[in-house]
C-alpha atoms as a PDB file:
ATOM      1  CA  UNK A   1     -26.744-213.456  42.577  1.00  0.00           C
ATOM      2  CA  UNK A   2     -27.890-214.997  38.852  1.00  0.00           C
ATOM      3  CA  UNK A   3     -30.730-212.939  37.347  1.00  0.00           C
ATOM      4  CA  UNK A   4     -34.091-214.107  37.836  1.00  0.00           C
ATOM      5  CA  UNK A   5     -35.603-215.750  35.215  1.00  0.00           C
ATOM      6  CA  UNK A   6     -39.453-215.893  34.218  1.00  0.00           C
ATOM      7  CA  UNK A   7     -40.961-217.467  30.525  1.00  0.00           C
ATOM      8  CA  UNK A   8     -44.079-215.756  29.187  1.00  0.00           C
ATOM      9  CA  UNK A   9     -45.742-217.130  26.923  1.00  0.00           C
ATOM     10  CA  UNK A  10     -46.033-214.979  23.835  1.00  0.00           C
ATOM     11  CA  UNK A  11     -50.121-214.016  23.470  1.00  0.00           C
ATOM     12  CA  UNK A  12     -49.030-212.630  27.150  1.00  0.00           C
ATOM     13  CA  UNK A  13     -46.925-210.222  25.356  1.00  0.00           C
ATOM     14  CA  UNK A  14     -49.272-209.452  22.266  1.00  0.00           C
ATOM     15  CA  UNK A  15     -52.191-208.730  25.276  1.00  0.00           C
ATOM     16  CA  UNK A  16     -49.461-206.703  27.066  1.00  0.00           C
ATOM     17  CA  UNK A  17     -48.739-204.596  23.772  1.00  0.00           C
ATOM     18  CA  UNK A  18     -51.762-203.617  22.945  1.00  0.00           C
ATOM     19  CA  UNK A  19     -52.812-202.644  26.309  1.00  0.00           C
ATOM     20  CA  UNK A  20     -49.430-200.385  26.313  1.00  0.00           C
ATOM     21  CA  UNK A  21     -50.680-198.823  22.696  1.00  0.00           C
ATOM     22  CA  UNK A  22     -53.375-197.819  23.850  1.00  0.00           C
ATOM     23  CA  UNK A  23     -52.240-196.776  26.570  1.00  0.00           C
ATOM     24  CA  UNK A  24     -49.523-194.499  25.122  1.00  0.00           C
ATOM     25  CA  UNK A  25     -51.213-193.755  21.849  1.00  0.00           C
ATOM     26  CA  UNK A  26     -54.486-193.970  22.665  1.00  0.00           C
ATOM     27  CA  UNK A  27     -56.200-190.235  22.818  1.00  0.00           C
ATOM     28  CA  UNK A  28     -58.492-191.566  25.009  1.00  0.00           C
ATOM     29  CA  UNK A  29     -56.199-194.343  26.696  1.00  0.00           C
ATOM     30  CA  UNK A  30     -57.437-197.263  28.316  1.00  0.00           C
ATOM     31  CA  UNK A  31     -60.533-195.492  29.235  1.00  0.00           C
ATOM     32  CA  UNK A  32     -62.408-197.968  26.127  1.00  0.00           C
ATOM     33  CA  UNK A  33     -61.309-201.138  27.925  1.00  0.00           C
ATOM     34  CA  UNK A  34     -62.788-200.090  31.657  1.00  0.00           C
ATOM     35  CA  UNK A  35     -65.694-198.946  28.902  1.00  0.00           C
ATOM     36  CA  UNK A  36     -66.173-195.187  29.624  1.00  0.00           C
ATOM     37  CA  UNK A  37     -65.405-194.888  25.777  1.00  0.00           C
ATOM     38  CA  UNK A  38     -65.933-195.900  22.776  1.00  0.00           C
ATOM     39  CA  UNK A  39     -63.330-198.276  20.789  1.00  0.00           C
ATOM     40  CA  UNK A  40     -61.066-196.864  18.158  1.00  0.00           C
ATOM     41  CA  UNK A  41     -62.370-197.002  14.633  1.00  0.00           C
ATOM     42  CA  UNK A  42     -59.949-198.035  12.487  1.00  0.00           C
ATOM     43  CA  UNK A  43     -58.689-195.387  11.519  1.00  0.00           C
ATOM     44  CA  UNK A  44     -57.426-194.162  14.839  1.00  0.00           C
ATOM     45  CA  UNK A  45     -55.692-197.639  15.412  1.00  0.00           C
ATOM     46  CA  UNK A  46     -53.260-196.522  12.577  1.00  0.00           C
ATOM     47  CA  UNK A  47     -52.747-193.367  13.439  1.00  0.00           C
ATOM     48  CA  UNK A  48     -51.804-194.866  17.045  1.00  0.00           C
ATOM     49  CA  UNK A  49     -49.438-197.206  15.022  1.00  0.00           C
ATOM     50  CA  UNK A  50     -47.759-195.164  12.894  1.00  0.00           C
ATOM     51  CA  UNK A  51     -47.381-192.743  15.642  1.00  0.00           C
ATOM     52  CA  UNK A  52     -45.801-195.557  17.773  1.00  0.00           C
ATOM     53  CA  UNK A  53     -43.787-197.120  15.489  1.00  0.00           C
ATOM     54  CA  UNK A  54     -42.690-193.835  12.206  1.00  0.00           C
ATOM     55  CA  UNK A  55     -43.477-191.065  14.844  1.00  0.00           C
ATOM     56  CA  UNK A  56     -41.443-188.842  12.171  1.00  0.00           C
ATOM     57  CA  UNK A  57     -41.887-189.528   8.846  1.00  0.00           C
ATOM     58  CA  UNK A  58     -45.032-188.910   6.334  1.00  0.00           C
ATOM     59  CA  UNK A  59     -46.271-191.966   4.861  1.00  0.00           C
ATOM     60  CA  UNK A  60     -48.252-191.174   1.837  1.00  0.00           C
ATOM     61  CA  UNK A  61     -50.879-192.192   0.116  1.00  0.00           C
ATOM     62  CA  UNK A  62     -52.146-195.477  -0.291  1.00  0.00           C
ATOM     63  CA  UNK A  63     -52.364-195.821  -3.845  1.00  0.00           C
ATOM     64  CA  UNK A  64     -48.715-196.459  -4.983  1.00  0.00           C
ATOM     65  CA  UNK A  65     -45.379-195.205  -4.464  1.00  0.00           C
ATOM     66  CA  UNK A  66     -42.223-195.652  -2.213  1.00  0.00           C
ATOM     67  CA  UNK A  67     -44.582-195.214   0.506  1.00  0.00           C
ATOM     68  CA  UNK A  68     -46.985-197.657  -0.042  1.00  0.00           C
ATOM     69  CA  UNK A  69     -45.218-200.648   1.576  1.00  0.00           C
ATOM     70  CA  UNK A  70     -44.898-198.281   4.803  1.00  0.00           C
ATOM     71  CA  UNK A  71     -48.775-197.528   4.535  1.00  0.00           C
ATOM     72  CA  UNK A  72     -49.827-201.089   4.203  1.00  0.00           C
ATOM     73  CA  UNK A  73     -47.973-202.226   6.883  1.00  0.00           C
ATOM     74  CA  UNK A  74     -49.125-200.220   9.142  1.00  0.00           C
ATOM     75  CA  UNK A  75     -52.689-200.796   8.249  1.00  0.00           C
ATOM     76  CA  UNK A  76     -51.580-204.445   8.565  1.00  0.00           C
ATOM     77  CA  UNK A  77     -50.915-203.244  12.475  1.00  0.00           C
ATOM     78  CA  UNK A  78     -54.145-201.774  13.024  1.00  0.00           C
ATOM     79  CA  UNK A  79     -55.671-205.162  11.905  1.00  0.00           C
ATOM     80  CA  UNK A  80     -53.758-206.936  13.811  1.00  0.00           C
ATOM     81  CA  UNK A  81     -54.543-204.893  17.101  1.00  0.00           C
ATOM     82  CA  UNK A  82     -58.358-205.716  16.502  1.00  0.00           C
ATOM     83  CA  UNK A  83     -57.763-209.776  15.350  1.00  0.00           C
ATOM     84  CA  UNK A  84     -55.405-209.788  18.648  1.00  0.00           C
ATOM     85  CA  UNK A  85     -58.167-208.145  20.578  1.00  0.00           C
ATOM     86  CA  UNK A  86     -60.754-210.478  18.621  1.00  0.00           C
ATOM     87  CA  UNK A  87     -58.855-213.375  19.551  1.00  0.00           C
ATOM     88  CA  UNK A  88     -59.065-212.689  22.991  1.00  0.00           C
ATOM     89  CA  UNK A  89     -62.666-213.066  22.852  1.00  0.00           C
ATOM     90  CA  UNK A  90     -62.897-209.445  22.107  1.00  0.00           C
ATOM     91  CA  UNK A  91     -63.700-206.500  23.754  1.00  0.00           C
ATOM     92  CA  UNK A  92     -66.495-207.881  26.086  1.00  0.00           C
ATOM     93  CA  UNK A  93     -63.888-209.819  27.612  1.00  0.00           C
ATOM     94  CA  UNK A  94     -61.531-208.026  28.177  1.00  0.00           C
ATOM     95  CA  UNK A  95     -63.729-205.513  29.650  1.00  0.00           C
ATOM     96  CA  UNK A  96     -64.917-208.004  31.799  1.00  0.00           C
ATOM     97  CA  UNK A  97     -61.397-208.300  32.992  1.00  0.00           C
ATOM     98  CA  UNK A  98     -61.254-204.601  33.415  1.00  0.00           C
ATOM     99  CA  UNK A  99     -64.034-204.590  35.213  1.00  0.00           C
ATOM    100  CA  UNK A 100     -62.846-207.168  37.510  1.00  0.00           C
ATOM    101  CA  UNK A 101     -59.678-205.890  38.306  1.00  0.00           C
ATOM    102  CA  UNK A 102     -60.917-202.521  39.265  1.00  0.00           C
ATOM    103  CA  UNK A 103     -62.947-204.749  42.177  1.00  0.00           C
ATOM    104  CA  UNK A 104     -59.970-205.860  42.828  1.00  0.00           C
ATOM    105  CA  UNK A 105     -57.621-203.155  42.659  1.00  0.00           C
ATOM    106  CA  UNK A 106     -59.506-200.232  43.042  1.00  0.00           C
ATOM    107  CA  UNK A 107     -56.458-197.568  43.757  1.00  0.00           C
ATOM    108  CA  UNK A 108     -54.546-199.955  40.571  1.00  0.00           C
ATOM    109  CA  UNK A 109     -57.461-199.207  38.817  1.00  0.00           C
ATOM    110  CA  UNK A 110     -58.304-195.721  39.657  1.00  0.00           C
ATOM    111  CA  UNK A 111     -54.378-194.775  38.850  1.00  0.00           C
ATOM    112  CA  UNK A 112     -55.035-196.687  35.413  1.00  0.00           C
ATOM    113  CA  UNK A 113     -57.544-194.368  34.676  1.00  0.00           C
ATOM    114  CA  UNK A 114     -56.723-191.110  35.765  1.00  0.00           C
ATOM    115  CA  UNK A 115     -53.107-192.167  33.322  1.00  0.00           C
ATOM    116  CA  UNK A 116     -55.508-191.372  30.338  1.00  0.00           C
ATOM    117  CA  UNK A 117     -55.626-187.722  31.359  1.00  0.00           C
ATOM    118  CA  UNK A 118     -51.782-187.035  31.090  1.00  0.00           C
ATOM    119  CA  UNK A 119     -50.606-184.777  29.092  1.00  0.00           C
ATOM    120  CA  UNK A 120     -54.443-184.304  27.809  1.00  0.00           C
ATOM    121  CA  UNK A 121     -55.846-182.025  29.934  1.00  0.00           C
ATOM    122  CA  UNK A 122     -54.194-179.280  32.518  1.00  0.00           C
ATOM    123  CA  UNK A 123     -55.330-181.776  34.976  1.00  0.00           C
ATOM    124  CA  UNK A 124     -52.031-183.180  35.267  1.00  0.00           C
ATOM    125  CA  UNK A 125     -49.999-181.871  32.213  1.00  0.00           C
ATOM    126  CA  UNK A 126     -46.772-183.869  32.873  1.00  0.00           C
ATOM    127  CA  UNK A 127     -45.968-187.563  34.694  1.00  0.00           C
ATOM    128  CA  UNK A 128     -44.269-185.443  37.251  1.00  0.00           C
ATOM    129  CA  UNK A 129     -47.452-183.829  38.290  1.00  0.00           C
ATOM    130  CA  UNK A 130     -49.821-186.792  38.042  1.00  0.00           C
ATOM    131  CA  UNK A 131     -47.170-188.958  40.048  1.00  0.00           C
ATOM    132  CA  UNK A 132     -47.024-186.220  42.363  1.00  0.00           C
ATOM    133  CA  UNK A 133     -50.713-186.297  42.773  1.00  0.00           C
ATOM    134  CA  UNK A 134     -50.663-189.175  43.314  1.00  0.00           C
ATOM    135  CA  UNK A 135     -48.303-189.641  46.328  1.00  0.00           C
ATOM    136  CA  UNK A 136     -45.812-191.679  43.879  1.00  0.00           C
ATOM    137  CA  UNK A 137     -42.665-190.914  42.189  1.00  0.00           C
ATOM    138  CA  UNK A 138     -42.398-191.312  38.392  1.00  0.00           C
ATOM    139  CA  UNK A 139     -40.692-194.927  39.160  1.00  0.00           C
ATOM    140  CA  UNK A 140     -43.125-195.725  41.542  1.00  0.00           C
ATOM    141  CA  UNK A 141     -45.797-194.664  38.749  1.00  0.00           C
ATOM    142  CA  UNK A 142     -44.499-196.291  36.024  1.00  0.00           C
ATOM    143  CA  UNK A 143     -43.515-199.834  37.900  1.00  0.00           C
ATOM    144  CA  UNK A 144     -47.491-200.276  39.035  1.00  0.00           C
ATOM    145  CA  UNK A 145     -48.188-199.773  35.631  1.00  0.00           C
ATOM    146  CA  UNK A 146     -45.886-201.920  34.709  1.00  0.00           C
ATOM    147  CA  UNK A 147     -46.977-204.566  37.813  1.00  0.00           C
ATOM    148  CA  UNK A 148     -51.159-203.720  36.095  1.00  0.00           C
ATOM    149  CA  UNK A 149     -50.726-204.225  32.662  1.00  0.00           C
ATOM    150  CA  UNK A 150     -48.701-207.626  33.185  1.00  0.00           C
ATOM    151  CA  UNK A 151     -51.477-208.891  35.025  1.00  0.00           C
ATOM    152  CA  UNK A 152     -54.995-207.995  33.644  1.00  0.00           C
ATOM    153  CA  UNK A 153     -52.532-209.294  30.370  1.00  0.00           C
ATOM    154  CA  UNK A 154     -52.287-212.499  32.091  1.00  0.00           C
ATOM    155  CA  UNK A 155     -55.550-213.089  34.159  1.00  0.00           C
ATOM    156  CA  UNK A 156     -56.920-212.692  30.192  1.00  0.00           C
ATOM    157  CA  UNK A 157     -54.785-215.109  29.168  1.00  0.00           C
ATOM    158  CA  UNK A 158     -55.327-217.010  31.700  1.00  0.00           C
ATOM    159  CA  UNK A 159     -58.958-216.572  31.452  1.00  0.00           C
ATOM    160  CA  UNK A 160     -58.715-217.141  26.985  1.00  0.00           C
ATOM    161  CA  UNK A 161     -56.798-220.776  27.533  1.00  0.00           C
ATOM    162  CA  UNK A 162     -59.506-221.921  30.259  1.00  0.00           C
ATOM    163  CA  UNK A 163     -62.626-221.270  27.591  1.00  0.00           C
ATOM    164  CA  UNK A 164     -60.422-222.693  25.133  1.00  0.00           C
ATOM    165  CA  UNK A 165     -59.732-226.524  27.281  1.00  0.00           C
ATOM    166  CA  UNK A 166     -63.878-225.588  28.101  1.00  0.00           C
ATOM    167  CA  UNK A 167     -64.318-226.094  24.059  1.00  0.00           C
ATOM    168  CA  UNK A 168     -61.900-228.220  23.493  1.00  0.00           C
ATOM    169  CA  UNK A 169     -64.320-230.738  25.948  1.00  0.00           C
ATOM    170  CA  UNK A 170     -67.220-229.686  24.944  1.00  0.00           C
ATOM    171  CA  UNK A 171     -66.333-230.697  21.307  1.00  0.00           C
ATOM    172  CA  UNK A 172     -64.703-233.868  23.180  1.00  0.00           C
ATOM    173  CA  UNK A 173     -68.308-234.567  25.085  1.00  0.00           C
ATOM    174  CA  UNK A 174     -70.230-233.502  21.505  1.00  0.00           C
ATOM    175  CA  UNK A 175     -68.627-236.378  19.079  1.00  0.00           C
ATOM    176  CA  UNK A 176     -68.538-238.693  22.473  1.00  0.00           C
ATOM    177  CA  UNK A 177     -72.908-238.837  21.986  1.00  0.00           C
ATOM    178  CA  UNK A 178     -72.646-238.585  18.244  1.00  0.00           C
ATOM    179  CA  UNK A 179     -70.297-241.662  17.908  1.00  0.00           C
ATOM    180  CA  UNK A 180     -72.985-243.570  20.752  1.00  0.00           C
ATOM    181  CA  UNK A 181     -76.061-242.514  18.816  1.00  0.00           C
ATOM    182  CA  UNK A 182     -74.291-243.609  15.305  1.00  0.00           C
ATOM    183  CA  UNK A 183     -73.884-247.170  17.214  1.00  0.00           C
END
């Protein structure tokens, strides 16, 4: 049987990458998207990106030397996270999607919220304990997490595209009215 192929737009993958970055490397996990915590500042974002892309390397000082290009890449990656969030309507738009997801799928939202404590508290010291306490296998947990983050990414993208179409329509109507007044 041929393998099922899906075509995912690049922007959905960008959103998904940002969500995975927060889920795996942010000290508060996805809590900032649920509205339970503040958005990390640029230093914390750079540390998250550093932890993801260069976990064993000491980047060194910013003011020159052979580590400067690596430091620049990390800072630019932190800025790219902020720019990606801003390009899809900002933190408030993403929080609205997470809120709606919590209303639609409360069990999955609770799973994403509790996931923030894996390895960060005595409640869930490891993924095995987390999965056991949520009556899941590790595989089931990863599958649910992947599905939830993909669904949220698609919803953020869908809302972004809808707002883009609405703004195009509004600008089209406004230009028609201006041309009518000038005639």
